[in-house]
Amino acid sequence: MDKDQQEQKRFLEEQLQWTREQDRILEEIDEKLHEMKRIAEYALEHEPSVLETNKLNSQLKELKDEVQSLERQLQSMIH
């Protein structure tokens, strides 16, 4: 394998690794968004107490913060 082919191979391997990392982050985001949806559907189907509503809101905020953190990771990988 000549030098150009080696460089091309290395470049493609780096691109593959980058793509896998992006996919992993997107999977995590998807899981958190589904959890947020389940919480919202639960609140819609039930009539949670004020205490339970506060707990659900706290869970939603935590998930939102986690999604935003993952989104920042994606942005740093792009730039």
PDB file of N, CA and C in Angstrom:
ATOM      1  N   MET A   1       0.856  -1.171   0.000  1.00  0.00           N
ATOM      2  CA  MET A   1       0.000   0.000   0.000  1.00  0.00           C
ATOM      3  C   MET A   1       0.903   1.235   0.000  1.00  0.00           C
ATOM      4  N   ASP A   2       0.652   2.143  -0.935  1.00  0.00           N
ATOM      5  CA  ASP A   2       1.506   3.325  -0.992  1.00  0.00           C
ATOM      6  C   ASP A   2       1.034   4.377   0.020  1.00  0.00           C
ATOM      7  N   LYS A   3       1.788   5.450   0.116  1.00  0.00           N
ATOM      8  CA  LYS A   3       1.528   6.479   1.131  1.00  0.00           C
ATOM      9  C   LYS A   3       0.157   7.121   0.961  1.00  0.00           C
ATOM     10  N   ASP A   4      -0.240   7.424  -0.271  1.00  0.00           N
ATOM     11  CA  ASP A   4      -1.552   8.034  -0.516  1.00  0.00           C
ATOM     12  C   ASP A   4      -2.683   7.105  -0.078  1.00  0.00           C
ATOM     13  N   GLN A   5      -2.530   5.840  -0.352  1.00  0.00           N
ATOM     14  CA  GLN A   5      -3.555   4.868   0.047  1.00  0.00           C
ATOM     15  C   GLN A   5      -3.625   4.748   1.571  1.00  0.00           C
ATOM     16  N   GLN A   6      -2.471   4.787   2.208  1.00  0.00           N
ATOM     17  CA  GLN A   6      -2.444   4.715   3.665  1.00  0.00           C
ATOM     18  C   GLN A   6      -3.129   5.941   4.285  1.00  0.00           C
ATOM     19  N   GLU A   7      -2.843   7.097   3.728  1.00  0.00           N
ATOM     20  CA  GLU A   7      -3.479   8.317   4.231  1.00  0.00           C
ATOM     21  C   GLU A   7      -4.985   8.282   4.002  1.00  0.00           C
ATOM     22  N   GLN A   8      -5.391   7.804   2.846  1.00  0.00           N
ATOM     23  CA  GLN A   8      -6.824   7.691   2.544  1.00  0.00           C
ATOM     24  C   GLN A   8      -7.492   6.709   3.513  1.00  0.00           C
ATOM     25  N   LYS A   9      -6.832   5.596   3.764  1.00  0.00           N
ATOM     26  CA  LYS A   9      -7.373   4.604   4.693  1.00  0.00           C
ATOM     27  C   LYS A   9      -7.500   5.198   6.091  1.00  0.00           C
ATOM     28  N   ARG A  10      -6.477   5.885   6.550  1.00  0.00           N
ATOM     29  CA  ARG A  10      -6.502   6.501   7.871  1.00  0.00           C
ATOM     30  C   ARG A  10      -7.626   7.541   7.961  1.00  0.00           C
ATOM     31  N   PHE A  11      -7.768   8.348   6.915  1.00  0.00           N
ATOM     32  CA  PHE A  11      -8.841   9.339   6.869  1.00  0.00           C
ATOM     33  C   PHE A  11     -10.207   8.669   6.979  1.00  0.00           C
ATOM     34  N   LEU A  12     -10.412   7.615   6.220  1.00  0.00           N
ATOM     35  CA  LEU A  12     -11.691   6.917   6.237  1.00  0.00           C
ATOM     36  C   LEU A  12     -11.953   6.254   7.589  1.00  0.00           C
ATOM     37  N   GLU A  13     -10.914   5.725   8.212  1.00  0.00           N
ATOM     38  CA  GLU A  13     -11.069   5.131   9.544  1.00  0.00           C
ATOM     39  C   GLU A  13     -11.463   6.197  10.568  1.00  0.00           C
ATOM     40  N   GLU A  14     -10.868   7.383  10.457  1.00  0.00           N
ATOM     41  CA  GLU A  14     -11.228   8.487  11.345  1.00  0.00           C
ATOM     42  C   GLU A  14     -12.674   8.919  11.119  1.00  0.00           C
ATOM     43  N   GLN A  15     -13.075   8.972   9.863  1.00  0.00           N
ATOM     44  CA  GLN A  15     -14.454   9.337   9.545  1.00  0.00           C
ATOM     45  C   GLN A  15     -15.435   8.306  10.104  1.00  0.00           C
ATOM     46  N   LEU A  16     -15.083   7.044  10.011  1.00  0.00           N
ATOM     47  CA  LEU A  16     -15.928   5.978  10.548  1.00  0.00           C
ATOM     48  C   LEU A  16     -16.060   6.111  12.061  1.00  0.00           C
ATOM     49  N   GLN A  17     -14.955   6.359  12.739  1.00  0.00           N
ATOM     50  CA  GLN A  17     -14.983   6.540  14.191  1.00  0.00           C
ATOM     51  C   GLN A  17     -15.830   7.750  14.565  1.00  0.00           C
ATOM     52  N   TRP A  18     -15.677   8.849  13.843  1.00  0.00           N
ATOM     53  CA  TRP A  18     -16.451  10.070  14.082  1.00  0.00           C
ATOM     54  C   TRP A  18     -17.943   9.778  13.915  1.00  0.00           C
ATOM     55  N   THR A  19     -18.290   9.034  12.866  1.00  0.00           N
ATOM     56  CA  THR A  19     -19.681   8.689  12.593  1.00  0.00           C
ATOM     57  C   THR A  19     -20.253   7.803  13.691  1.00  0.00           C
ATOM     58  N   ARG A  20     -19.473   6.854  14.157  1.00  0.00           N
ATOM     59  CA  ARG A  20     -19.932   5.978  15.245  1.00  0.00           C
ATOM     60  C   ARG A  20     -20.193   6.778  16.520  1.00  0.00           C
ATOM     61  N   GLU A  21     -19.319   7.715  16.819  1.00  0.00           N
ATOM     62  CA  GLU A  21     -19.497   8.544  18.016  1.00  0.00           C
ATOM     63  C   GLU A  21     -20.753   9.413  17.885  1.00  0.00           C
ATOM     64  N   GLN A  22     -20.959   9.978  16.729  1.00  0.00           N
ATOM     65  CA  GLN A  22     -22.174  10.772  16.499  1.00  0.00           C
ATOM     66  C   GLN A  22     -23.418   9.902  16.653  1.00  0.00           C
ATOM     67  N   ASP A  23     -23.367   8.703  16.110  1.00  0.00           N
ATOM     68  CA  ASP A  23     -24.500   7.783  16.218  1.00  0.00           C
ATOM     69  C   ASP A  23     -24.784   7.446  17.676  1.00  0.00           C
ATOM     70  N   ARG A  24     -23.734   7.219  18.460  1.00  0.00           N
ATOM     71  CA  ARG A  24     -23.900   6.908  19.879  1.00  0.00           C
ATOM     72  C   ARG A  24     -24.587   8.067  20.612  1.00  0.00           C
ATOM     73  N   ILE A  25     -24.147   9.279  20.331  1.00  0.00           N
ATOM     74  CA  ILE A  25     -24.738  10.450  20.974  1.00  0.00           C
ATOM     75  C   ILE A  25     -26.192  10.607  20.558  1.00  0.00           C
ATOM     76  N   LEU A  26     -26.471  10.427  19.284  1.00  0.00           N
ATOM     77  CA  LEU A  26     -27.850  10.550  18.807  1.00  0.00           C
ATOM     78  C   LEU A  26     -28.753   9.479  19.419  1.00  0.00           C
ATOM     79  N   GLU A  27     -28.226   8.277  19.624  1.00  0.00           N
ATOM     80  CA  GLU A  27     -28.997   7.220  20.286  1.00  0.00           C
ATOM     81  C   GLU A  27     -29.331   7.619  21.718  1.00  0.00           C
ATOM     82  N   GLU A  28     -28.368   8.197  22.416  1.00  0.00           N
ATOM     83  CA  GLU A  28     -28.618   8.653  23.792  1.00  0.00           C
ATOM     84  C   GLU A  28     -29.685   9.740  23.820  1.00  0.00           C
ATOM     85  N   ILE A  29     -29.591  10.671  22.886  1.00  0.00           N
ATOM     86  CA  ILE A  29     -30.596  11.735  22.807  1.00  0.00           C
ATOM     87  C   ILE A  29     -31.967  11.128  22.559  1.00  0.00           C
ATOM     88  N   ASP A  30     -32.046  10.184  21.634  1.00  0.00           N
ATOM     89  CA  ASP A  30     -33.318   9.535  21.316  1.00  0.00           C
ATOM     90  C   ASP A  30     -33.917   8.856  22.546  1.00  0.00           C
ATOM     91  N   GLU A  31     -33.093   8.153  23.308  1.00  0.00           N
ATOM     92  CA  GLU A  31     -33.580   7.487  24.522  1.00  0.00           C
ATOM     93  C   GLU A  31     -34.144   8.495  25.517  1.00  0.00           C
ATOM     94  N   LYS A  32     -33.450   9.608  25.700  1.00  0.00           N
ATOM     95  CA  LYS A  32     -33.892  10.618  26.657  1.00  0.00           C
ATOM     96  C   LYS A  32     -35.184  11.290  26.186  1.00  0.00           C
ATOM     97  N   LEU A  33     -35.299  11.524  24.890  1.00  0.00           N
ATOM     98  CA  LEU A  33     -36.525  12.119  24.368  1.00  0.00           C
ATOM     99  C   LEU A  33     -37.717  11.179  24.529  1.00  0.00           C
ATOM    100  N   HIS A  34     -37.480   9.885  24.345  1.00  0.00           N
ATOM    101  CA  HIS A  34     -38.560   8.908  24.556  1.00  0.00           C
ATOM    102  C   HIS A  34     -38.982   8.870  26.027  1.00  0.00           C
ATOM    103  N   GLU A  35     -38.016   8.981  26.914  1.00  0.00           N
ATOM    104  CA  GLU A  35     -38.339   9.013  28.344  1.00  0.00           C
ATOM    105  C   GLU A  35     -39.163  10.270  28.670  1.00  0.00           C
ATOM    106  N   MET A  36     -38.797  11.386  28.062  1.00  0.00           N
ATOM    107  CA  MET A  36     -39.559  12.624  28.271  1.00  0.00           C
ATOM    108  C   MET A  36     -40.991  12.450  27.758  1.00  0.00           C
ATOM    109  N   LYS A  37     -41.136  11.784  26.637  1.00  0.00           N
ATOM    110  CA  LYS A  37     -42.465  11.532  26.082  1.00  0.00           C
ATOM    111  C   LYS A  37     -43.281  10.655  27.031  1.00  0.00           C
ATOM    112  N   ARG A  38     -42.653   9.613  27.584  1.00  0.00           N
ATOM    113  CA  ARG A  38     -43.368   8.735  28.521  1.00  0.00           C
ATOM    114  C   ARG A  38     -43.841   9.512  29.751  1.00  0.00           C
ATOM    115  N   ILE A  39     -43.012  10.406  30.246  1.00  0.00           N
ATOM    116  CA  ILE A  39     -43.393  11.219  31.403  1.00  0.00           C
ATOM    117  C   ILE A  39     -44.581  12.109  31.046  1.00  0.00           C
ATOM    118  N   ALA A  40     -44.511  12.742  29.889  1.00  0.00           N
ATOM    119  CA  ALA A  40     -45.602  13.628  29.459  1.00  0.00           C
ATOM    120  C   ALA A  40     -46.898  12.850  29.265  1.00  0.00           C
ATOM    121  N   GLU A  41     -46.808  11.670  28.665  1.00  0.00           N
ATOM    122  CA  GLU A  41     -48.006  10.853  28.460  1.00  0.00           C
ATOM    123  C   GLU A  41     -48.586  10.390  29.798  1.00  0.00           C
ATOM    124  N   TYR A  42     -47.724  10.042  30.734  1.00  0.00           N
ATOM    125  CA  TYR A  42     -48.187   9.641  32.059  1.00  0.00           C
ATOM    126  C   TYR A  42     -48.958  10.788  32.709  1.00  0.00           C
ATOM    127  N   ALA A  43     -48.390  11.988  32.637  1.00  0.00           N
ATOM    128  CA  ALA A  43     -49.037  13.150  33.247  1.00  0.00           C
ATOM    129  C   ALA A  43     -50.376  13.444  32.573  1.00  0.00           C
ATOM    130  N   LEU A  44     -50.448  13.200  31.286  1.00  0.00           N
ATOM    131  CA  LEU A  44     -51.693  13.451  30.547  1.00  0.00           C
ATOM    132  C   LEU A  44     -52.763  12.428  30.912  1.00  0.00           C
ATOM    133  N   GLU A  45     -52.381  11.176  31.063  1.00  0.00           N
ATOM    134  CA  GLU A  45     -53.332  10.103  31.326  1.00  0.00           C
ATOM    135  C   GLU A  45     -53.771  10.032  32.785  1.00  0.00           C
ATOM    136  N   HIS A  46     -52.941  10.519  33.689  1.00  0.00           N
ATOM    137  CA  HIS A  46     -53.239  10.478  35.124  1.00  0.00           C
ATOM    138  C   HIS A  46     -53.428  11.910  35.618  1.00  0.00           C
ATOM    139  N   GLU A  47     -53.927  12.042  36.760  1.00  0.00           N
ATOM    140  CA  GLU A  47     -54.036  13.365  37.355  1.00  0.00           C
ATOM    141  C   GLU A  47     -53.074  13.413  38.536  1.00  0.00           C
ATOM    142  N   PRO A  48     -51.814  13.722  38.242  1.00  0.00           N
ATOM    143  CA  PRO A  48     -50.811  13.688  39.315  1.00  0.00           C
ATOM    144  C   PRO A  48     -51.068  14.788  40.348  1.00  0.00           C
ATOM    145  N   SER A  49     -50.706  14.481  41.573  1.00  0.00           N
ATOM    146  CA  SER A  49     -50.800  15.467  42.645  1.00  0.00           C
ATOM    147  C   SER A  49     -49.755  16.559  42.401  1.00  0.00           C
ATOM    148  N   VAL A  50     -49.844  17.609  43.194  1.00  0.00           N
ATOM    149  CA  VAL A  50     -48.870  18.692  43.061  1.00  0.00           C
ATOM    150  C   VAL A  50     -47.457  18.159  43.326  1.00  0.00           C
ATOM    151  N   LEU A  51     -47.318  17.345  44.338  1.00  0.00           N
ATOM    152  CA  LEU A  51     -46.013  16.772  44.665  1.00  0.00           C
ATOM    153  C   LEU A  51     -45.485  15.910  43.515  1.00  0.00           C
ATOM    154  N   GLU A  52     -46.371  15.081  42.973  1.00  0.00           N
ATOM    155  CA  GLU A  52     -45.971  14.217  41.857  1.00  0.00           C
ATOM    156  C   GLU A  52     -45.658  15.054  40.615  1.00  0.00           C
ATOM    157  N   THR A  53     -46.442  16.091  40.385  1.00  0.00           N
ATOM    158  CA  THR A  53     -46.183  16.981  39.248  1.00  0.00           C
ATOM    159  C   THR A  53     -44.808  17.634  39.379  1.00  0.00           C
ATOM    160  N   ASN A  54     -44.467  18.064  40.587  1.00  0.00           N
ATOM    161  CA  ASN A  54     -43.146  18.657  40.809  1.00  0.00           C
ATOM    162  C   ASN A  54     -42.037  17.653  40.535  1.00  0.00           C
ATOM    163  N   LYS A  55     -42.255  16.405  40.955  1.00  0.00           N
ATOM    164  CA  LYS A  55     -41.267  15.358  40.709  1.00  0.00           C
ATOM    165  C   LYS A  55     -41.115  15.103  39.207  1.00  0.00           C
ATOM    166  N   LEU A  56     -42.246  15.032  38.494  1.00  0.00           N
ATOM    167  CA  LEU A  56     -42.197  14.810  37.044  1.00  0.00           C
ATOM    168  C   LEU A  56     -41.497  15.975  36.341  1.00  0.00           C
ATOM    169  N   ASN A  57     -41.798  17.196  36.781  1.00  0.00           N
ATOM    170  CA  ASN A  57     -41.147  18.371  36.188  1.00  0.00           C
ATOM    171  C   ASN A  57     -39.644  18.347  36.435  1.00  0.00           C
ATOM    172  N   SER A  58     -39.259  17.897  37.612  1.00  0.00           N
ATOM    173  CA  SER A  58     -37.838  17.787  37.934  1.00  0.00           C
ATOM    174  C   SER A  58     -37.161  16.760  37.027  1.00  0.00           C
ATOM    175  N   GLN A  59     -37.832  15.643  36.804  1.00  0.00           N
ATOM    176  CA  GLN A  59     -37.283  14.612  35.915  1.00  0.00           C
ATOM    177  C   GLN A  59     -37.160  15.153  34.488  1.00  0.00           C
ATOM    178  N   LEU A  60     -38.187  15.887  34.045  1.00  0.00           N
ATOM    179  CA  LEU A  60     -38.144  16.455  32.696  1.00  0.00           C
ATOM    180  C   LEU A  60     -36.993  17.452  32.560  1.00  0.00           C
ATOM    181  N   LYS A  61     -36.805  18.280  33.580  1.00  0.00           N
ATOM    182  CA  LYS A  61     -35.715  19.268  33.524  1.00  0.00           C
ATOM    183  C   LYS A  61     -34.362  18.565  33.460  1.00  0.00           C
ATOM    184  N   GLU A  62     -34.197  17.527  34.265  1.00  0.00           N
ATOM    185  CA  GLU A  62     -32.935  16.789  34.257  1.00  0.00           C
ATOM    186  C   GLU A  62     -32.676  16.163  32.883  1.00  0.00           C
ATOM    187  N   LEU A  63     -33.704  15.565  32.305  1.00  0.00           N
ATOM    188  CA  LEU A  63     -33.557  14.969  30.974  1.00  0.00           C
ATOM    189  C   LEU A  63     -33.258  16.041  29.931  1.00  0.00           C
ATOM    190  N   LYS A  64     -33.931  17.179  30.037  1.00  0.00           N
ATOM    191  CA  LYS A  64     -33.685  18.284  29.097  1.00  0.00           C
ATOM    192  C   LYS A  64     -32.239  18.741  29.188  1.00  0.00           C
ATOM    193  N   ASP A  65     -31.735  18.891  30.403  1.00  0.00           N
ATOM    194  CA  ASP A  65     -30.337  19.299  30.592  1.00  0.00           C
ATOM    195  C   ASP A  65     -29.381  18.276  29.989  1.00  0.00           C
ATOM    196  N   GLU A  66     -29.687  17.002  30.160  1.00  0.00           N
ATOM    197  CA  GLU A  66     -28.845  15.952  29.597  1.00  0.00           C
ATOM    198  C   GLU A  66     -28.861  15.994  28.069  1.00  0.00           C
ATOM    199  N   VAL A  67     -30.037  16.226  27.489  1.00  0.00           N
ATOM    200  CA  VAL A  67     -30.139  16.327  26.024  1.00  0.00           C
ATOM    201  C   VAL A  67     -29.325  17.518  25.534  1.00  0.00           C
ATOM    202  N   GLN A  68     -29.436  18.638  26.219  1.00  0.00           N
ATOM    203  CA  GLN A  68     -28.676  19.820  25.805  1.00  0.00           C
ATOM    204  C   GLN A  68     -27.170  19.573  25.894  1.00  0.00           C
ATOM    205  N   SER A  69     -26.745  18.850  26.915  1.00  0.00           N
ATOM    206  CA  SER A  69     -25.331  18.519  27.044  1.00  0.00           C
ATOM    207  C   SER A  69     -24.873  17.632  25.878  1.00  0.00           C
ATOM    208  N   LEU A  70     -25.688  16.665  25.527  1.00  0.00           N
ATOM    209  CA  LEU A  70     -25.366  15.793  24.393  1.00  0.00           C
ATOM    210  C   LEU A  70     -25.349  16.586  23.087  1.00  0.00           C
ATOM    211  N   GLU A  71     -26.277  17.525  22.951  1.00  0.00           N
ATOM    212  CA  GLU A  71     -26.292  18.360  21.741  1.00  0.00           C
ATOM    213  C   GLU A  71     -25.014  19.187  21.642  1.00  0.00           C
ATOM    214  N   ARG A  72     -24.525  19.678  22.774  1.00  0.00           N
ATOM    215  CA  ARG A  72     -23.266  20.438  22.765  1.00  0.00           C
ATOM    216  C   ARG A  72     -22.121  19.533  22.325  1.00  0.00           C
ATOM    217  N   GLN A  73     -22.140  18.270  22.753  1.00  0.00           N
ATOM    218  CA  GLN A  73     -21.104  17.332  22.315  1.00  0.00           C
ATOM    219  C   GLN A  73     -21.133  17.163  20.801  1.00  0.00           C
ATOM    220  N   LEU A  74     -22.344  17.077  20.273  1.00  0.00           N
ATOM    221  CA  LEU A  74     -22.471  16.947  18.817  1.00  0.00           C
ATOM    222  C   LEU A  74     -21.917  18.177  18.121  1.00  0.00           C
ATOM    223  N   GLN A  75     -22.260  19.342  18.634  1.00  0.00           N
ATOM    224  CA  GLN A  75     -21.782  20.593  18.019  1.00  0.00           C
ATOM    225  C   GLN A  75     -20.267  20.701  18.067  1.00  0.00           C
ATOM    226  N   SER A  76     -19.678  20.278  19.178  1.00  0.00           N
ATOM    227  CA  SER A  76     -18.209  20.366  19.280  1.00  0.00           C
ATOM    228  C   SER A  76     -17.542  19.401  18.318  1.00  0.00           C
ATOM    229  N   MET A  77     -18.209  18.315  17.996  1.00  0.00           N
ATOM    230  CA  MET A  77     -17.639  17.360  17.048  1.00  0.00           C
ATOM    231  C   MET A  77     -17.733  17.883  15.620  1.00  0.00           C
ATOM    232  N   ILE A  78     -18.719  18.718  15.362  1.00  0.00           N
ATOM    233  CA  ILE A  78     -18.921  19.236  14.013  1.00  0.00           C
ATOM    234  C   ILE A  78     -17.974  20.385  13.728  1.00  0.00           C
ATOM    235  N   HIS A  79     -17.719  21.213  14.733  1.00  0.00           N
ATOM    236  CA  HIS A  79     -16.880  22.403  14.523  1.00  0.00           C
ATOM    237  C   HIS A  79     -15.444  22.162  14.817  1.00  0.00           C
TER     238      HIS A  79
END
